[in-house]
Amino acid sequence: MELMIYKKLKDFFSPEYLEVINESSLHAGHKSSPNNGNSHFYIKIKANRFTKITMLDSHKLIYSLLNDEMRDQIHALRIKIIK
């Protein structure tokens, strides 16, 4: 899942910097966590596309791009937009 997220973001945004970190182990045993090892991710990204839009719109764009995965695979995203 981590590599798929990375590829989708890289292909769409052509970022200057991109890091996708699987944080699922930090949420193991939580009641609402699917506990599948691929549910919680931290995205750090710097891309020109984000310089002209708000932080909220940046997050919306990422969520939109990962919409299918958010529906049935990803439980949570933590996003850091680097300006």
PDB file of N, CA and C in Angstrom:
ATOM      1  N   MET A   1       0.829  -1.194   0.000  1.00  0.00           N
ATOM      2  CA  MET A   1       0.000   0.000   0.000  1.00  0.00           C
ATOM      3  C   MET A   1       0.876   1.262   0.000  1.00  0.00           C
ATOM      4  N   GLU A   2       1.938   1.236   0.781  1.00  0.00           N
ATOM      5  CA  GLU A   2       2.834   2.392   0.886  1.00  0.00           C
ATOM      6  C   GLU A   2       3.402   2.786  -0.484  1.00  0.00           C
ATOM      7  N   LEU A   3       3.849   1.793  -1.239  1.00  0.00           N
ATOM      8  CA  LEU A   3       4.410   2.067  -2.565  1.00  0.00           C
ATOM      9  C   LEU A   3       3.353   2.553  -3.547  1.00  0.00           C
ATOM     10  N   MET A   4       2.138   2.015  -3.433  1.00  0.00           N
ATOM     11  CA  MET A   4       1.050   2.447  -4.303  1.00  0.00           C
ATOM     12  C   MET A   4       0.708   3.917  -4.040  1.00  0.00           C
ATOM     13  N   ILE A   5       0.627   4.296  -2.765  1.00  0.00           N
ATOM     14  CA  ILE A   5       0.358   5.692  -2.407  1.00  0.00           C
ATOM     15  C   ILE A   5       1.468   6.583  -2.958  1.00  0.00           C
ATOM     16  N   TYR A   6       2.708   6.161  -2.754  1.00  0.00           N
ATOM     17  CA  TYR A   6       3.862   6.922  -3.231  1.00  0.00           C
ATOM     18  C   TYR A   6       3.776   7.145  -4.745  1.00  0.00           C
ATOM     19  N   LYS A   7       3.503   6.069  -5.472  1.00  0.00           N
ATOM     20  CA  LYS A   7       3.446   6.163  -6.934  1.00  0.00           C
ATOM     21  C   LYS A   7       2.330   7.093  -7.405  1.00  0.00           C
ATOM     22  N   LYS A   8       1.153   6.958  -6.810  1.00  0.00           N
ATOM     23  CA  LYS A   8       0.034   7.822  -7.206  1.00  0.00           C
ATOM     24  C   LYS A   8       0.358   9.297  -6.977  1.00  0.00           C
ATOM     25  N   LEU A   9       0.908   9.602  -5.809  1.00  0.00           N
ATOM     26  CA  LEU A   9       1.253  10.993  -5.492  1.00  0.00           C
ATOM     27  C   LEU A   9       2.366  11.500  -6.397  1.00  0.00           C
ATOM     28  N   LYS A  10       3.369  10.673  -6.619  1.00  0.00           N
ATOM     29  CA  LYS A  10       4.503  11.070  -7.467  1.00  0.00           C
ATOM     30  C   LYS A  10       4.051  11.320  -8.905  1.00  0.00           C
ATOM     31  N   ASP A  11       3.243  10.430  -9.429  1.00  0.00           N
ATOM     32  CA  ASP A  11       2.776  10.563 -10.811  1.00  0.00           C
ATOM     33  C   ASP A  11       1.885  11.794 -11.000  1.00  0.00           C
ATOM     34  N   PHE A  12       1.059  12.088 -10.019  1.00  0.00           N
ATOM     35  CA  PHE A  12       0.112  13.187 -10.148  1.00  0.00           C
ATOM     36  C   PHE A  12       0.733  14.553  -9.859  1.00  0.00           C
ATOM     37  N   PHE A  13       1.539  14.641  -8.796  1.00  0.00           N
ATOM     38  CA  PHE A  13       2.056  15.934  -8.356  1.00  0.00           C
ATOM     39  C   PHE A  13       3.482  16.249  -8.830  1.00  0.00           C
ATOM     40  N   SER A  14       4.245  15.240  -9.256  1.00  0.00           N
ATOM     41  CA  SER A  14       5.666  15.428  -9.583  1.00  0.00           C
ATOM     42  C   SER A  14       6.357  16.253  -8.490  1.00  0.00           C
ATOM     43  N   PRO A  15       6.308  15.768  -7.264  1.00  0.00           N
ATOM     44  CA  PRO A  15       6.791  16.564  -6.138  1.00  0.00           C
ATOM     45  C   PRO A  15       8.309  16.719  -6.106  1.00  0.00           C
ATOM     46  N   GLU A  16       8.742  17.807  -5.489  1.00  0.00           N
ATOM     47  CA  GLU A  16      10.162  18.020  -5.229  1.00  0.00           C
ATOM     48  C   GLU A  16      10.616  17.100  -4.100  1.00  0.00           C
ATOM     49  N   TYR A  17       9.700  16.833  -3.192  1.00  0.00           N
ATOM     50  CA  TYR A  17       9.993  15.955  -2.059  1.00  0.00           C
ATOM     51  C   TYR A  17       8.738  15.154  -1.744  1.00  0.00           C
ATOM     52  N   LEU A  18       8.929  13.867  -1.480  1.00  0.00           N
ATOM     53  CA  LEU A  18       7.796  13.013  -1.121  1.00  0.00           C
ATOM     54  C   LEU A  18       8.278  11.887  -0.225  1.00  0.00           C
ATOM     55  N   GLU A  19       7.567  11.710   0.867  1.00  0.00           N
ATOM     56  CA  GLU A  19       7.838  10.605   1.774  1.00  0.00           C
ATOM     57  C   GLU A  19       6.497  10.049   2.236  1.00  0.00           C
ATOM     58  N   VAL A  20       6.363   8.747   2.181  1.00  0.00           N
ATOM     59  CA  VAL A  20       5.156   8.073   2.664  1.00  0.00           C
ATOM     60  C   VAL A  20       5.602   7.076   3.727  1.00  0.00           C
ATOM     61  N   ILE A  21       5.086   7.257   4.931  1.00  0.00           N
ATOM     62  CA  ILE A  21       5.493   6.434   6.063  1.00  0.00           C
ATOM     63  C   ILE A  21       4.290   5.648   6.571  1.00  0.00           C
ATOM     64  N   ASN A  22       4.463   4.343   6.688  1.00  0.00           N
ATOM     65  CA  ASN A  22       3.416   3.489   7.229  1.00  0.00           C
ATOM     66  C   ASN A  22       3.465   3.586   8.757  1.00  0.00           C
ATOM     67  N   GLU A  23       2.429   4.156   9.350  1.00  0.00           N
ATOM     68  CA  GLU A  23       2.345   4.310  10.807  1.00  0.00           C
ATOM     69  C   GLU A  23       1.344   3.341  11.433  1.00  0.00           C
ATOM     70  N   SER A  24       0.980   2.320  10.710  1.00  0.00           N
ATOM     71  CA  SER A  24      -0.043   1.378  11.179  1.00  0.00           C
ATOM     72  C   SER A  24       0.341   0.721  12.499  1.00  0.00           C
ATOM     73  N   SER A  25       1.609   0.442  12.686  1.00  0.00           N
ATOM     74  CA  SER A  25       2.040  -0.233  13.922  1.00  0.00           C
ATOM     75  C   SER A  25       1.775   0.626  15.158  1.00  0.00           C
ATOM     76  N   LEU A  26       1.725   1.941  14.983  1.00  0.00           N
ATOM     77  CA  LEU A  26       1.444   2.843  16.106  1.00  0.00           C
ATOM     78  C   LEU A  26      -0.006   2.756  16.565  1.00  0.00           C
ATOM     79  N   HIS A  27      -0.848   2.165  15.735  1.00  0.00           N
ATOM     80  CA  HIS A  27      -2.283   2.097  16.026  1.00  0.00           C
ATOM     81  C   HIS A  27      -2.773   0.668  16.238  1.00  0.00           C
ATOM     82  N   ALA A  28      -1.835  -0.273  16.290  1.00  0.00           N
ATOM     83  CA  ALA A  28      -2.202  -1.676  16.495  1.00  0.00           C
ATOM     84  C   ALA A  28      -2.950  -1.828  17.812  1.00  0.00           C
ATOM     85  N   GLY A  29      -4.040  -2.541  17.764  1.00  0.00           N
ATOM     86  CA  GLY A  29      -4.831  -2.787  18.962  1.00  0.00           C
ATOM     87  C   GLY A  29      -5.878  -1.731  19.257  1.00  0.00           C
ATOM     88  N   HIS A  30      -5.844  -0.608  18.541  1.00  0.00           N
ATOM     89  CA  HIS A  30      -6.884   0.402  18.738  1.00  0.00           C
ATOM     90  C   HIS A  30      -8.217  -0.164  18.271  1.00  0.00           C
ATOM     91  N   LYS A  31      -9.247   0.182  18.967  1.00  0.00           N
ATOM     92  CA  LYS A  31     -10.568  -0.395  18.706  1.00  0.00           C
ATOM     93  C   LYS A  31     -11.026  -0.194  17.260  1.00  0.00           C
ATOM     94  N   SER A  32     -10.846   0.990  16.710  1.00  0.00           N
ATOM     95  CA  SER A  32     -11.352   1.257  15.358  1.00  0.00           C
ATOM     96  C   SER A  32     -10.344   0.935  14.256  1.00  0.00           C
ATOM     97  N   SER A  33      -9.139   0.540  14.620  1.00  0.00           N
ATOM     98  CA  SER A  33      -8.129   0.214  13.614  1.00  0.00           C
ATOM     99  C   SER A  33      -8.401  -1.155  13.012  1.00  0.00           C
ATOM    100  N   PRO A  34      -8.237  -1.281  11.692  1.00  0.00           N
ATOM    101  CA  PRO A  34      -8.446  -2.589  11.074  1.00  0.00           C
ATOM    102  C   PRO A  34      -7.340  -3.599  11.408  1.00  0.00           C
ATOM    103  N   ASN A  35      -6.224  -3.114  11.983  1.00  0.00           N
ATOM    104  CA  ASN A  35      -5.119  -3.988  12.395  1.00  0.00           C
ATOM    105  C   ASN A  35      -4.615  -4.884  11.271  1.00  0.00           C
ATOM    106  N   ASN A  36      -4.524  -4.331  10.077  1.00  0.00           N
ATOM    107  CA  ASN A  36      -4.040  -5.114   8.944  1.00  0.00           C
ATOM    108  C   ASN A  36      -2.612  -4.723   8.533  1.00  0.00           C
ATOM    109  N   GLY A  37      -2.013  -3.783   9.231  1.00  0.00           N
ATOM    110  CA  GLY A  37      -0.641  -3.379   8.934  1.00  0.00           C
ATOM    111  C   GLY A  37      -0.514  -2.382   7.801  1.00  0.00           C
ATOM    112  N   ASN A  38      -1.612  -2.044   7.165  1.00  0.00           N
ATOM    113  CA  ASN A  38      -1.606  -1.095   6.047  1.00  0.00           C
ATOM    114  C   ASN A  38      -2.806  -0.161   6.138  1.00  0.00           C
ATOM    115  N   SER A  39      -2.933   0.517   7.262  1.00  0.00           N
ATOM    116  CA  SER A  39      -4.136   1.316   7.459  1.00  0.00           C
ATOM    117  C   SER A  39      -3.881   2.787   7.773  1.00  0.00           C
ATOM    118  N   HIS A  40      -2.723   3.109   8.323  1.00  0.00           N
ATOM    119  CA  HIS A  40      -2.420   4.473   8.762  1.00  0.00           C
ATOM    120  C   HIS A  40      -1.124   4.943   8.091  1.00  0.00           C
ATOM    121  N   PHE A  41      -1.191   6.088   7.411  1.00  0.00           N
ATOM    122  CA  PHE A  41      -0.025   6.575   6.683  1.00  0.00           C
ATOM    123  C   PHE A  41       0.217   8.057   6.930  1.00  0.00           C
ATOM    124  N   TYR A  42       1.493   8.409   6.916  1.00  0.00           N
ATOM    125  CA  TYR A  42       1.924   9.792   7.070  1.00  0.00           C
ATOM    126  C   TYR A  42       2.571  10.207   5.757  1.00  0.00           C
ATOM    127  N   ILE A  43       2.031  11.243   5.146  1.00  0.00           N
ATOM    128  CA  ILE A  43       2.536  11.748   3.872  1.00  0.00           C
ATOM    129  C   ILE A  43       3.190  13.101   4.099  1.00  0.00           C
ATOM    130  N   LYS A  44       4.446  13.222   3.668  1.00  0.00           N
ATOM    131  CA  LYS A  44       5.157  14.511   3.660  1.00  0.00           C
ATOM    132  C   LYS A  44       5.417  14.814   2.194  1.00  0.00           C
ATOM    133  N   ILE A  45       4.962  15.968   1.751  1.00  0.00           N
ATOM    134  CA  ILE A  45       5.055  16.272   0.331  1.00  0.00           C
ATOM    135  C   ILE A  45       5.310  17.756   0.081  1.00  0.00           C
ATOM    136  N   LYS A  46       6.172  18.008  -0.889  1.00  0.00           N
ATOM    137  CA  LYS A  46       6.422  19.375  -1.360  1.00  0.00           C
ATOM    138  C   LYS A  46       6.271  19.356  -2.875  1.00  0.00           C
ATOM    139  N   ALA A  47       5.316  20.152  -3.347  1.00  0.00           N
ATOM    140  CA  ALA A  47       5.056  20.203  -4.787  1.00  0.00           C
ATOM    141  C   ALA A  47       4.615  21.608  -5.173  1.00  0.00           C
ATOM    142  N   ASN A  48       4.993  22.028  -6.338  1.00  0.00           N
ATOM    143  CA  ASN A  48       4.634  23.368  -6.822  1.00  0.00           C
ATOM    144  C   ASN A  48       3.132  23.593  -6.824  1.00  0.00           C
ATOM    145  N   ARG A  49       2.383  22.557  -7.076  1.00  0.00           N
ATOM    146  CA  ARG A  49       0.927  22.671  -7.156  1.00  0.00           C
ATOM    147  C   ARG A  49       0.312  23.214  -5.861  1.00  0.00           C
ATOM    148  N   PHE A  50       0.974  22.995  -4.736  1.00  0.00           N
ATOM    149  CA  PHE A  50       0.444  23.423  -3.443  1.00  0.00           C
ATOM    150  C   PHE A  50       0.759  24.878  -3.107  1.00  0.00           C
ATOM    151  N   THR A  51       1.626  25.510  -3.851  1.00  0.00           N
ATOM    152  CA  THR A  51       2.024  26.883  -3.504  1.00  0.00           C
ATOM    153  C   THR A  51       0.910  27.898  -3.753  1.00  0.00           C
ATOM    154  N   LYS A  52      -0.025  27.569  -4.628  1.00  0.00           N
ATOM    155  CA  LYS A  52      -1.067  28.532  -4.997  1.00  0.00           C
ATOM    156  C   LYS A  52      -2.438  28.197  -4.426  1.00  0.00           C
ATOM    157  N   ILE A  53      -2.502  27.172  -3.583  1.00  0.00           N
ATOM    158  CA  ILE A  53      -3.786  26.805  -2.992  1.00  0.00           C
ATOM    159  C   ILE A  53      -3.647  26.711  -1.472  1.00  0.00           C
ATOM    160  N   THR A  54      -4.773  26.736  -0.795  1.00  0.00           N
ATOM    161  CA  THR A  54      -4.760  26.689   0.670  1.00  0.00           C
ATOM    162  C   THR A  54      -4.362  25.293   1.161  1.00  0.00           C
ATOM    163  N   MET A  55      -4.015  25.230   2.427  1.00  0.00           N
ATOM    164  CA  MET A  55      -3.678  23.949   3.045  1.00  0.00           C
ATOM    165  C   MET A  55      -4.870  23.000   2.968  1.00  0.00           C
ATOM    166  N   LEU A  56      -6.052  23.520   3.234  1.00  0.00           N
ATOM    167  CA  LEU A  56      -7.256  22.701   3.165  1.00  0.00           C
ATOM    168  C   LEU A  56      -7.458  22.132   1.764  1.00  0.00           C
ATOM    169  N   ASP A  57      -7.303  22.968   0.751  1.00  0.00           N
ATOM    170  CA  ASP A  57      -7.461  22.499  -0.626  1.00  0.00           C
ATOM    171  C   ASP A  57      -6.369  21.495  -1.005  1.00  0.00           C
ATOM    172  N   SER A  58      -5.178  21.667  -0.457  1.00  0.00           N
ATOM    173  CA  SER A  58      -4.100  20.703  -0.688  1.00  0.00           C
ATOM    174  C   SER A  58      -4.482  19.332  -0.145  1.00  0.00           C
ATOM    175  N   HIS A  59      -5.019  19.325   1.067  1.00  0.00           N
ATOM    176  CA  HIS A  59      -5.454  18.070   1.676  1.00  0.00           C
ATOM    177  C   HIS A  59      -6.603  17.447   0.900  1.00  0.00           C
ATOM    178  N   LYS A  60      -7.542  18.268   0.477  1.00  0.00           N
ATOM    179  CA  LYS A  60      -8.672  17.768  -0.313  1.00  0.00           C
ATOM    180  C   LYS A  60      -8.199  17.117  -1.607  1.00  0.00           C
ATOM    181  N   LEU A  61      -7.211  17.713  -2.227  1.00  0.00           N
ATOM    182  CA  LEU A  61      -6.675  17.175  -3.475  1.00  0.00           C
ATOM    183  C   LEU A  61      -6.048  15.797  -3.258  1.00  0.00           C
ATOM    184  N   ILE A  62      -5.307  15.658  -2.187  1.00  0.00           N
ATOM    185  CA  ILE A  62      -4.689  14.367  -1.872  1.00  0.00           C
ATOM    186  C   ILE A  62      -5.761  13.324  -1.554  1.00  0.00           C
ATOM    187  N   TYR A  63      -6.733  13.704  -0.730  1.00  0.00           N
ATOM    188  CA  TYR A  63      -7.820  12.770  -0.403  1.00  0.00           C
ATOM    189  C   TYR A  63      -8.599  12.370  -1.653  1.00  0.00           C
ATOM    190  N   SER A  64      -8.806  13.298  -2.550  1.00  0.00           N
ATOM    191  CA  SER A  64      -9.509  12.999  -3.794  1.00  0.00           C
ATOM    192  C   SER A  64      -8.726  11.997  -4.647  1.00  0.00           C
ATOM    193  N   LEU A  65      -7.429  12.201  -4.714  1.00  0.00           N
ATOM    194  CA  LEU A  65      -6.569  11.305  -5.490  1.00  0.00           C
ATOM    195  C   LEU A  65      -6.581   9.884  -4.912  1.00  0.00           C
ATOM    196  N   LEU A  66      -6.672   9.789  -3.595  1.00  0.00           N
ATOM    197  CA  LEU A  66      -6.650   8.486  -2.920  1.00  0.00           C
ATOM    198  C   LEU A  66      -8.051   8.027  -2.510  1.00  0.00           C
ATOM    199  N   ASN A  67      -9.061   8.556  -3.157  1.00  0.00           N
ATOM    200  CA  ASN A  67     -10.449   8.283  -2.790  1.00  0.00           C
ATOM    201  C   ASN A  67     -10.778   6.790  -2.748  1.00  0.00           C
ATOM    202  N   ASP A  68     -10.412   6.049  -3.766  1.00  0.00           N
ATOM    203  CA  ASP A  68     -10.726   4.613  -3.804  1.00  0.00           C
ATOM    204  C   ASP A  68     -10.077   3.874  -2.637  1.00  0.00           C
ATOM    205  N   GLU A  69      -8.832   4.203  -2.366  1.00  0.00           N
ATOM    206  CA  GLU A  69      -8.108   3.546  -1.281  1.00  0.00           C
ATOM    207  C   GLU A  69      -8.682   3.930   0.083  1.00  0.00           C
ATOM    208  N   MET A  70      -9.115   5.181   0.211  1.00  0.00           N
ATOM    209  CA  MET A  70      -9.697   5.646   1.472  1.00  0.00           C
ATOM    210  C   MET A  70     -11.010   4.925   1.778  1.00  0.00           C
ATOM    211  N   ARG A  71     -11.696   4.548   0.744  1.00  0.00           N
ATOM    212  CA  ARG A  71     -13.000   3.900   0.911  1.00  0.00           C
ATOM    213  C   ARG A  71     -12.882   2.521   1.560  1.00  0.00           C
ATOM    214  N   ASP A  72     -11.860   1.744   1.181  1.00  0.00           N
ATOM    215  CA  ASP A  72     -11.832   0.374   1.683  1.00  0.00           C
ATOM    216  C   ASP A  72     -10.473  -0.150   2.137  1.00  0.00           C
ATOM    217  N   GLN A  73      -9.432   0.691   2.090  1.00  0.00           N
ATOM    218  CA  GLN A  73      -8.121   0.182   2.491  1.00  0.00           C
ATOM    219  C   GLN A  73      -7.430   1.059   3.532  1.00  0.00           C
ATOM    220  N   ILE A  74      -7.386   2.363   3.285  1.00  0.00           N
ATOM    221  CA  ILE A  74      -6.700   3.274   4.200  1.00  0.00           C
ATOM    222  C   ILE A  74      -7.685   3.748   5.267  1.00  0.00           C
ATOM    223  N   HIS A  75      -7.290   3.610   6.507  1.00  0.00           N
ATOM    224  CA  HIS A  75      -8.143   4.041   7.620  1.00  0.00           C
ATOM    225  C   HIS A  75      -7.870   5.503   7.983  1.00  0.00           C
ATOM    226  N   ALA A  76      -6.597   5.935   7.890  1.00  0.00           N
ATOM    227  CA  ALA A  76      -6.251   7.298   8.291  1.00  0.00           C
ATOM    228  C   ALA A  76      -5.013   7.798   7.562  1.00  0.00           C
ATOM    229  N   LEU A  77      -5.040   9.089   7.258  1.00  0.00           N
ATOM    230  CA  LEU A  77      -3.889   9.767   6.660  1.00  0.00           C
ATOM    231  C   LEU A  77      -3.491  10.931   7.549  1.00  0.00           C
ATOM    232  N   ARG A  78      -2.206  11.102   7.704  1.00  0.00           N
ATOM    233  CA  ARG A  78      -1.667  12.308   8.324  1.00  0.00           C
ATOM    234  C   ARG A  78      -0.845  12.959   7.222  1.00  0.00           C
ATOM    235  N   ILE A  79      -1.088  14.235   6.959  1.00  0.00           N
ATOM    236  CA  ILE A  79      -0.469  14.896   5.810  1.00  0.00           C
ATOM    237  C   ILE A  79       0.292  16.133   6.278  1.00  0.00           C
ATOM    238  N   LYS A  80       1.511  16.257   5.788  1.00  0.00           N
ATOM    239  CA  LYS A  80       2.285  17.479   6.011  1.00  0.00           C
ATOM    240  C   LYS A  80       2.639  18.042   4.637  1.00  0.00           C
ATOM    241  N   ILE A  81       2.104  19.232   4.356  1.00  0.00           N
ATOM    242  CA  ILE A  81       2.417  19.932   3.112  1.00  0.00           C
ATOM    243  C   ILE A  81       3.610  20.838   3.409  1.00  0.00           C
ATOM    244  N   ILE A  82       4.662  20.657   2.675  1.00  0.00           N
ATOM    245  CA  ILE A  82       5.868  21.472   2.840  1.00  0.00           C
ATOM    246  C   ILE A  82       5.825  22.572   1.791  1.00  0.00           C
ATOM    247  N   LYS A  83       5.846  23.795   2.252  1.00  0.00           N
ATOM    248  CA  LYS A  83       5.778  24.944   1.313  1.00  0.00           C
ATOM    249  C   LYS A  83       7.158  25.426   0.971  1.00  0.00           C
TER     250      LYS A  83
END
